[in-house]
PDB file of N, CA and C in Angstrom:
ATOM      1  N   MET A   1      27.191  21.882  15.921  1.00  0.00           N
ATOM      2  CA  MET A   1      26.574  20.919  14.834  1.00  0.00           C
ATOM      3  C   MET A   1      27.132  19.714  14.803  1.00  0.00           C
ATOM      4  N   GLU A   2      26.497  19.112  14.678  1.00  0.00           N
ATOM      5  CA  GLU A   2      26.955  17.151  14.542  1.00  0.00           C
ATOM      6  C   GLU A   2      27.716  17.209  13.512  1.00  0.00           C
ATOM      7  N   GLN A   3      29.079  16.237  13.624  1.00  0.00           N
ATOM      8  CA  GLN A   3      29.546  15.673  11.966  1.00  0.00           C
ATOM      9  C   GLN A   3      29.672  14.654  12.871  1.00  0.00           C
ATOM     10  N   PHE A   4      29.962  13.372  12.215  1.00  0.00           N
ATOM     11  CA  PHE A   4      30.218  12.141  12.044  1.00  0.00           C
ATOM     12  C   PHE A   4      32.113  11.868  11.376  1.00  0.00           C
ATOM     13  N   THR A   5      32.634  11.044  11.997  1.00  0.00           N
ATOM     14  CA  THR A   5      33.799  10.667  11.707  1.00  0.00           C
ATOM     15  C   THR A   5      33.886   9.147  11.809  1.00  0.00           C
ATOM     16  N   PHE A   6      35.017   8.497  10.551  1.00  0.00           N
ATOM     17  CA  PHE A   6      35.240   7.392  10.618  1.00  0.00           C
ATOM     18  C   PHE A   6      36.521   6.964  10.732  1.00  0.00           C
ATOM     19  N   GLU A   7      36.758   5.369  11.344  1.00  0.00           N
ATOM     20  CA  GLU A   7      38.184   5.328  11.452  1.00  0.00           C
ATOM     21  C   GLU A   7      37.665   3.991  11.040  1.00  0.00           C
ATOM     22  N   GLU A   8      38.803   2.911  10.381  1.00  0.00           N
ATOM     23  CA  GLU A   8      38.327   1.308  10.363  1.00  0.00           C
ATOM     24  C   GLU A   8      40.332   0.854  10.485  1.00  0.00           C
ATOM     25  N   ASP A   9      40.253  -0.353  10.486  1.00  0.00           N
ATOM     26  CA  ASP A   9      41.296  -1.143  10.561  1.00  0.00           C
ATOM     27  C   ASP A   9      41.806  -2.576   9.632  1.00  0.00           C
ATOM     28  N   ASP A  10      42.481  -3.333  10.062  1.00  0.00           N
ATOM     29  CA  ASP A  10      42.277  -4.683   9.774  1.00  0.00           C
ATOM     30  C   ASP A  10      41.148  -5.025   9.921  1.00  0.00           C
ATOM     31  N   LEU A  11      40.815  -5.102  11.271  1.00  0.00           N
ATOM     32  CA  LEU A  11      39.365  -6.209  11.646  1.00  0.00           C
ATOM     33  C   LEU A  11      38.475  -4.906  12.407  1.00  0.00           C
ATOM     34  N   PHE A  12      39.041  -3.797  12.794  1.00  0.00           N
ATOM     35  CA  PHE A  12      37.538  -3.061  13.613  1.00  0.00           C
ATOM     36  C   PHE A  12      37.263  -1.766  12.670  1.00  0.00           C
ATOM     37  N   GLY A  13      35.866  -0.879  12.870  1.00  0.00           N
ATOM     38  CA  GLY A  13      35.708   0.011  12.459  1.00  0.00           C
ATOM     39  C   GLY A  13      34.583   0.456  13.599  1.00  0.00           C
ATOM     40  N   GLY A  14      34.975   2.172  13.036  1.00  0.00           N
ATOM     41  CA  GLY A  14      33.434   2.935  14.116  1.00  0.00           C
ATOM     42  C   GLY A  14      33.208   4.186  13.000  1.00  0.00           C
ATOM     43  N   PHE A  15      32.301   4.589  13.764  1.00  0.00           N
ATOM     44  CA  PHE A  15      31.270   6.090  13.197  1.00  0.00           C
ATOM     45  C   PHE A  15      31.682   6.495  14.604  1.00  0.00           C
ATOM     46  N   TYR A  16      32.296   8.139  14.981  1.00  0.00           N
ATOM     47  CA  TYR A  16      32.280   8.723  15.501  1.00  0.00           C
ATOM     48  C   TYR A  16      31.542  10.107  15.467  1.00  0.00           C
ATOM     49  N   LEU A  17      30.245  10.540  16.816  1.00  0.00           N
ATOM     50  CA  LEU A  17      29.408  11.614  16.080  1.00  0.00           C
ATOM     51  C   LEU A  17      30.145  12.263  17.210  1.00  0.00           C
ATOM     52  N   PHE A  18      30.294  13.632  16.658  1.00  0.00           N
ATOM     53  CA  PHE A  18      30.805  15.077  17.463  1.00  0.00           C
ATOM     54  C   PHE A  18      29.833  16.095  17.725  1.00  0.00           C
ATOM     55  N   ASP A  19      29.875  17.289  18.223  1.00  0.00           N
ATOM     56  CA  ASP A  19      28.989  18.581  18.842  1.00  0.00           C
ATOM     57  C   ASP A  19      30.238  19.041  18.999  1.00  0.00           C
ATOM     58  N   GLU A  20      30.671  20.053  17.852  1.00  0.00           N
ATOM     59  CA  GLU A  20      31.384  21.136  18.497  1.00  0.00           C
ATOM     60  C   GLU A  20      32.731  19.977  18.331  1.00  0.00           C
ATOM     61  N   GLU A  21      33.525  19.916  19.422  1.00  0.00           N
ATOM     62  CA  GLU A  21      34.788  19.021  19.667  1.00  0.00           C
ATOM     63  C   GLU A  21      34.289  18.552  20.752  1.00  0.00           C
ATOM     64  N   THR A  22      33.564  17.689  20.580  1.00  0.00           N
ATOM     65  CA  THR A  22      32.391  16.780  22.475  1.00  0.00           C
ATOM     66  C   THR A  22      32.402  15.945  21.463  1.00  0.00           C
ATOM     67  N   LYS A  23      32.723  14.689  21.432  1.00  0.00           N
ATOM     68  CA  LYS A  23      32.265  12.921  20.983  1.00  0.00           C
ATOM     69  C   LYS A  23      31.044  12.690  21.977  1.00  0.00           C
ATOM     70  N   ILE A  24      30.058  12.749  21.461  1.00  0.00           N
ATOM     71  CA  ILE A  24      28.440  12.712  22.007  1.00  0.00           C
ATOM     72  C   ILE A  24      27.957  11.122  21.366  1.00  0.00           C
ATOM     73  N   GLY A  25      28.664  10.347  20.723  1.00  0.00           N
ATOM     74  CA  GLY A  25      28.484   8.921  20.663  1.00  0.00           C
ATOM     75  C   GLY A  25      29.636   8.245  19.501  1.00  0.00           C
ATOM     76  N   GLU A  26      29.152   6.711  19.577  1.00  0.00           N
ATOM     77  CA  GLU A  26      30.081   5.804  18.804  1.00  0.00           C
ATOM     78  C   GLU A  26      29.368   5.001  18.519  1.00  0.00           C
ATOM     79  N   VAL A  27      29.495   4.296  17.145  1.00  0.00           N
ATOM     80  CA  VAL A  27      29.348   2.887  17.105  1.00  0.00           C
ATOM     81  C   VAL A  27      30.433   2.162  16.286  1.00  0.00           C
ATOM     82  N   THR A  28      30.813   0.751  16.735  1.00  0.00           N
ATOM     83  CA  THR A  28      31.479   0.517  16.343  1.00  0.00           C
ATOM     84  C   THR A  28      31.449  -1.172  15.889  1.00  0.00           C
ATOM     85  N   PHE A  29      32.597  -1.840  15.106  1.00  0.00           N
ATOM     86  CA  PHE A  29      31.819  -2.880  14.617  1.00  0.00           C
ATOM     87  C   PHE A  29      33.202  -3.819  14.150  1.00  0.00           C
ATOM     88  N   ARG A  30      32.708  -5.011  13.979  1.00  0.00           N
ATOM     89  CA  ARG A  30      34.165  -5.835  13.887  1.00  0.00           C
ATOM     90  C   ARG A  30      34.376  -7.204  12.413  1.00  0.00           C
ATOM     91  N   LYS A  31      34.864  -6.777  11.319  1.00  0.00           N
ATOM     92  CA  LYS A  31      34.648  -7.273  10.727  1.00  0.00           C
ATOM     93  C   LYS A  31      35.075  -8.705  10.468  1.00  0.00           C
ATOM     94  N   HIS A  32      34.005  -9.395  10.086  1.00  0.00           N
ATOM     95  CA  HIS A  32      34.256 -10.707  10.464  1.00  0.00           C
ATOM     96  C   HIS A  32      35.033 -11.472   9.031  1.00  0.00           C
ATOM     97  N   SER A  33      34.644 -10.914   8.423  1.00  0.00           N
ATOM     98  CA  SER A  33      35.528 -11.607   6.662  1.00  0.00           C
ATOM     99  C   SER A  33      35.480 -10.461   5.925  1.00  0.00           C
ATOM    100  N   GLN A  34      35.849 -10.513   4.376  1.00  0.00           N
ATOM    101  CA  GLN A  34      36.100  -9.594   3.200  1.00  0.00           C
ATOM    102  C   GLN A  34      34.587  -8.948   3.446  1.00  0.00           C
ATOM    103  N   ASN A  35      33.984  -9.818   3.738  1.00  0.00           N
ATOM    104  CA  ASN A  35      32.511  -9.162   3.192  1.00  0.00           C
ATOM    105  C   ASN A  35      30.995  -9.388   4.823  1.00  0.00           C
ATOM    106  N   ALA A  36      31.650  -9.221   5.284  1.00  0.00           N
ATOM    107  CA  ALA A  36      30.802  -9.440   6.279  1.00  0.00           C
ATOM    108  C   ALA A  36      31.433  -8.467   7.951  1.00  0.00           C
ATOM    109  N   ILE A  37      30.163  -8.201   8.582  1.00  0.00           N
ATOM    110  CA  ILE A  37      30.427  -7.205   9.664  1.00  0.00           C
ATOM    111  C   ILE A  37      29.374  -7.622  10.969  1.00  0.00           C
ATOM    112  N   SER A  38      29.947  -6.548  12.096  1.00  0.00           N
ATOM    113  CA  SER A  38      28.941  -7.131  12.765  1.00  0.00           C
ATOM    114  C   SER A  38      29.060  -5.787  14.146  1.00  0.00           C
ATOM    115  N   ILE A  39      27.664  -5.134  13.877  1.00  0.00           N
ATOM    116  CA  ILE A  39      27.928  -4.195  15.392  1.00  0.00           C
ATOM    117  C   ILE A  39      28.114  -4.548  16.560  1.00  0.00           C
ATOM    118  N   ASN A  40      29.630  -4.232  17.079  1.00  0.00           N
ATOM    119  CA  ASN A  40      29.092  -4.479  18.750  1.00  0.00           C
ATOM    120  C   ASN A  40      29.096  -3.522  19.672  1.00  0.00           C
ATOM    121  N   HIS A  41      29.263  -2.183  19.284  1.00  0.00           N
ATOM    122  CA  HIS A  41      28.972  -1.609  20.488  1.00  0.00           C
ATOM    123  C   HIS A  41      28.833   0.177  19.797  1.00  0.00           C
ATOM    124  N   THR A  42      27.522   0.085  20.756  1.00  0.00           N
ATOM    125  CA  THR A  42      27.253   1.552  20.300  1.00  0.00           C
ATOM    126  C   THR A  42      26.947   2.811  21.529  1.00  0.00           C
ATOM    127  N   TYR A  43      27.048   3.853  21.715  1.00  0.00           N
ATOM    128  CA  TYR A  43      27.256   4.359  22.861  1.00  0.00           C
ATOM    129  C   TYR A  43      26.567   5.810  22.319  1.00  0.00           C
ATOM    130  N   VAL A  44      25.996   6.703  23.293  1.00  0.00           N
ATOM    131  CA  VAL A  44      25.833   7.942  23.420  1.00  0.00           C
ATOM    132  C   VAL A  44      25.948   8.368  24.693  1.00  0.00           C
ATOM    133  N   LEU A  45      26.469   9.744  25.103  1.00  0.00           N
ATOM    134  CA  LEU A  45      26.473   9.989  26.193  1.00  0.00           C
ATOM    135  C   LEU A  45      25.231  10.533  26.820  1.00  0.00           C
ATOM    136  N   LYS A  46      25.249   9.904  28.023  1.00  0.00           N
ATOM    137  CA  LYS A  46      23.730  10.108  28.681  1.00  0.00           C
ATOM    138  C   LYS A  46      23.029  11.451  28.446  1.00  0.00           C
ATOM    139  N   GLU A  47      23.777  12.572  28.578  1.00  0.00           N
ATOM    140  CA  GLU A  47      22.880  13.694  28.144  1.00  0.00           C
ATOM    141  C   GLU A  47      22.423  14.043  26.548  1.00  0.00           C
ATOM    142  N   PHE A  48      23.098  13.472  25.809  1.00  0.00           N
ATOM    143  CA  PHE A  48      22.506  13.396  24.514  1.00  0.00           C
ATOM    144  C   PHE A  48      21.693  12.095  24.109  1.00  0.00           C
ATOM    145  N   GLU A  49      21.215  11.385  24.753  1.00  0.00           N
ATOM    146  CA  GLU A  49      20.066   9.987  25.172  1.00  0.00           C
ATOM    147  C   GLU A  49      18.661  10.792  24.490  1.00  0.00           C
ATOM    148  N   GLY A  50      18.080   9.717  23.582  1.00  0.00           N
ATOM    149  CA  GLY A  50      16.656  10.389  23.527  1.00  0.00           C
ATOM    150  C   GLY A  50      16.567  10.824  22.122  1.00  0.00           C
ATOM    151  N   ARG A  51      17.669  11.900  21.238  1.00  0.00           N
ATOM    152  CA  ARG A  51      17.634  12.625  20.624  1.00  0.00           C
ATOM    153  C   ARG A  51      17.986  11.792  19.257  1.00  0.00           C
ATOM    154  N   GLY A  52      17.995  10.580  19.405  1.00  0.00           N
ATOM    155  CA  GLY A  52      17.720  10.014  17.865  1.00  0.00           C
ATOM    156  C   GLY A  52      19.361  10.024  17.226  1.00  0.00           C
ATOM    157  N   TYR A  53      19.908  10.262  18.396  1.00  0.00           N
ATOM    158  CA  TYR A  53      21.945   9.768  17.843  1.00  0.00           C
ATOM    159  C   TYR A  53      22.133   8.430  17.368  1.00  0.00           C
ATOM    160  N   GLY A  54      21.614   7.896  18.420  1.00  0.00           N
ATOM    161  CA  GLY A  54      22.200   6.419  18.597  1.00  0.00           C
ATOM    162  C   GLY A  54      21.695   5.728  16.855  1.00  0.00           C
ATOM    163  N   LYS A  55      20.389   5.990  16.744  1.00  0.00           N
ATOM    164  CA  LYS A  55      19.828   5.673  15.464  1.00  0.00           C
ATOM    165  C   LYS A  55      20.754   6.260  14.230  1.00  0.00           C
ATOM    166  N   LYS A  56      20.748   7.542  14.072  1.00  0.00           N
ATOM    167  CA  LYS A  56      21.540   7.613  13.218  1.00  0.00           C
ATOM    168  C   LYS A  56      22.798   7.478  13.194  1.00  0.00           C
ATOM    169  N   LEU A  57      24.063   6.985  14.480  1.00  0.00           N
ATOM    170  CA  LEU A  57      25.130   6.063  13.736  1.00  0.00           C
ATOM    171  C   LEU A  57      24.537   4.890  13.072  1.00  0.00           C
ATOM    172  N   VAL A  58      23.953   4.048  14.261  1.00  0.00           N
ATOM    173  CA  VAL A  58      23.525   2.903  12.812  1.00  0.00           C
ATOM    174  C   VAL A  58      23.118   2.759  11.934  1.00  0.00           C
ATOM    175  N   ASP A  59      22.764   3.859  11.463  1.00  0.00           N
ATOM    176  CA  ASP A  59      22.086   4.051  10.304  1.00  0.00           C
ATOM    177  C   ASP A  59      23.487   4.629   9.462  1.00  0.00           C
ATOM    178  N   LYS A  60      24.684   5.256   9.553  1.00  0.00           N
ATOM    179  CA  LYS A  60      25.824   5.160   9.451  1.00  0.00           C
ATOM    180  C   LYS A  60      26.620   4.039   8.319  1.00  0.00           C
ATOM    181  N   VAL A  61      26.259   2.634   9.766  1.00  0.00           N
ATOM    182  CA  VAL A  61      27.274   1.983   9.743  1.00  0.00           C
ATOM    183  C   VAL A  61      25.818   0.651   8.180  1.00  0.00           C
ATOM    184  N   ILE A  62      24.946   0.951   8.250  1.00  0.00           N
ATOM    185  CA  ILE A  62      23.814   0.232   7.453  1.00  0.00           C
ATOM    186  C   ILE A  62      24.085   1.240   5.986  1.00  0.00           C
ATOM    187  N   GLU A  63      24.400   2.458   6.307  1.00  0.00           N
ATOM    188  CA  GLU A  63      24.826   2.896   4.770  1.00  0.00           C
ATOM    189  C   GLU A  63      26.179   1.768   4.242  1.00  0.00           C
ATOM    190  N   TYR A  64      27.082   2.482   5.282  1.00  0.00           N
ATOM    191  CA  TYR A  64      28.787   1.682   4.941  1.00  0.00           C
ATOM    192  C   TYR A  64      28.405   0.264   4.273  1.00  0.00           C
ATOM    193  N   THR A  65      27.552  -0.327   4.759  1.00  0.00           N
ATOM    194  CA  THR A  65      27.657  -1.552   4.253  1.00  0.00           C
ATOM    195  C   THR A  65      26.711  -1.641   3.061  1.00  0.00           C
ATOM    196  N   LYS A  66      25.936  -0.965   2.715  1.00  0.00           N
ATOM    197  CA  LYS A  66      25.071  -0.795   1.107  1.00  0.00           C
ATOM    198  C   LYS A  66      26.080  -0.421   0.100  1.00  0.00           C
ATOM    199  N   GLU A  67      27.135   0.526   0.991  1.00  0.00           N
ATOM    200  CA  GLU A  67      27.913   1.153  -0.322  1.00  0.00           C
ATOM    201  C   GLU A  67      29.194   0.481  -0.557  1.00  0.00           C
ATOM    202  N   ASN A  68      29.482  -0.400   0.187  1.00  0.00           N
ATOM    203  CA  ASN A  68      30.208  -2.025   0.440  1.00  0.00           C
ATOM    204  C   ASN A  68      30.245  -3.306  -0.001  1.00  0.00           C
ATOM    205  N   ASP A  69      28.842  -3.086   0.045  1.00  0.00           N
ATOM    206  CA  ASP A  69      28.323  -4.628  -0.648  1.00  0.00           C
ATOM    207  C   ASP A  69      28.431  -5.621   0.595  1.00  0.00           C
ATOM    208  N   LEU A  70      28.450  -5.290   2.098  1.00  0.00           N
ATOM    209  CA  LEU A  70      28.856  -6.037   3.072  1.00  0.00           C
ATOM    210  C   LEU A  70      27.976  -6.881   3.808  1.00  0.00           C
ATOM    211  N   LYS A  71      27.714  -7.957   5.008  1.00  0.00           N
ATOM    212  CA  LYS A  71      26.419  -8.293   4.967  1.00  0.00           C
ATOM    213  C   LYS A  71      26.691  -7.790   6.638  1.00  0.00           C
ATOM    214  N   LEU A  72      25.821  -7.382   7.245  1.00  0.00           N
ATOM    215  CA  LEU A  72      25.615  -6.856   8.738  1.00  0.00           C
ATOM    216  C   LEU A  72      24.872  -7.706   9.763  1.00  0.00           C
ATOM    217  N   SER A  73      25.559  -7.706  10.630  1.00  0.00           N
ATOM    218  CA  SER A  73      24.751  -8.426  11.770  1.00  0.00           C
ATOM    219  C   SER A  73      25.578  -7.602  13.165  1.00  0.00           C
ATOM    220  N   ALA A  74      24.436  -7.722  14.567  1.00  0.00           N
ATOM    221  CA  ALA A  74      24.707  -7.302  15.389  1.00  0.00           C
ATOM    222  C   ALA A  74      24.969  -8.077  16.657  1.00  0.00           C
ATOM    223  N   SER A  75      25.914  -7.522  17.599  1.00  0.00           N
ATOM    224  CA  SER A  75      25.652  -8.453  19.124  1.00  0.00           C
ATOM    225  C   SER A  75      25.288  -6.955  20.126  1.00  0.00           C
ATOM    226  N   CYS A  76      24.875  -6.228  19.528  1.00  0.00           N
ATOM    227  CA  CYS A  76      24.780  -4.767  20.342  1.00  0.00           C
ATOM    228  C   CYS A  76      23.363  -5.107  20.418  1.00  0.00           C
ATOM    229  N   TRP A  77      22.758  -5.087  21.078  1.00  0.00           N
ATOM    230  CA  TRP A  77      21.045  -5.314  21.499  1.00  0.00           C
ATOM    231  C   TRP A  77      20.517  -4.067  20.319  1.00  0.00           C
ATOM    232  N   PHE A  78      21.060  -2.698  20.944  1.00  0.00           N
ATOM    233  CA  PHE A  78      20.788  -1.841  20.715  1.00  0.00           C
ATOM    234  C   PHE A  78      20.277  -1.578  18.721  1.00  0.00           C
ATOM    235  N   ALA A  79      21.932  -1.389  18.429  1.00  0.00           N
ATOM    236  CA  ALA A  79      21.685  -1.775  17.012  1.00  0.00           C
ATOM    237  C   ALA A  79      21.042  -2.864  16.473  1.00  0.00           C
ATOM    238  N   GLU A  80      20.781  -4.319  17.233  1.00  0.00           N
ATOM    239  CA  GLU A  80      19.763  -5.426  16.430  1.00  0.00           C
ATOM    240  C   GLU A  80      18.278  -5.000  16.800  1.00  0.00           C
ATOM    241  N   LYS A  81      17.641  -3.723  17.834  1.00  0.00           N
ATOM    242  CA  LYS A  81      16.161  -3.290  17.440  1.00  0.00           C
ATOM    243  C   LYS A  81      16.267  -2.493  16.815  1.00  0.00           C
ATOM    244  N   VAL A  82      17.591  -1.480  16.197  1.00  0.00           N
ATOM    245  CA  VAL A  82      17.338  -0.355  15.264  1.00  0.00           C
ATOM    246  C   VAL A  82      17.041  -1.277  13.662  1.00  0.00           C
ATOM    247  N   ILE A  83      17.877  -2.337  13.443  1.00  0.00           N
ATOM    248  CA  ILE A  83      17.952  -2.914  12.434  1.00  0.00           C
ATOM    249  C   ILE A  83      16.805  -3.788  12.156  1.00  0.00           C
ATOM    250  N   GLN A  84      16.028  -4.234  13.006  1.00  0.00           N
ATOM    251  CA  GLN A  84      14.870  -5.394  12.983  1.00  0.00           C
ATOM    252  C   GLN A  84      13.371  -4.158  13.071  1.00  0.00           C
ATOM    253  N   SER A  85      13.678  -2.975  12.951  1.00  0.00           N
ATOM    254  CA  SER A  85      12.621  -2.175  13.344  1.00  0.00           C
ATOM    255  C   SER A  85      12.859  -0.999  12.370  1.00  0.00           C
ATOM    256  N   TYR A  86      13.839  -0.792  11.551  1.00  0.00           N
ATOM    257  CA  TYR A  86      13.805   0.059  10.900  1.00  0.00           C
ATOM    258  C   TYR A  86      14.887  -0.304   8.951  1.00  0.00           C
ATOM    259  N   TYR A  87      14.620  -1.650   9.406  1.00  0.00           N
ATOM    260  CA  TYR A  87      15.324  -2.277   8.271  1.00  0.00           C
ATOM    261  C   TYR A  87      14.814  -3.763   7.902  1.00  0.00           C
ATOM    262  N   PRO A  88      13.574  -3.912   8.154  1.00  0.00           N
ATOM    263  CA  PRO A  88      13.618  -5.458   8.561  1.00  0.00           C
ATOM    264  C   PRO A  88      13.563  -6.338   7.265  1.00  0.00           C
TER     265      PRO A  88
END
């Protein structure tokens, strides 16, 4: 069963995806100001690729930005692709 966790500090944050006790993926972001963040890294374990977990992780950040009224950008190519494809 998949489960998401969230961690953040003053400069960085991230969502982490677990299957039971195994961390299978993560998406991290940098806080550029009080109202803007940028996704800088997305990763899914090779054996879990192709199942939509990367998109689910990026979706978590998008949801976080909406809930906190933040602007979102991405320096990670995958996150940028998801944002442009699903949230034009």
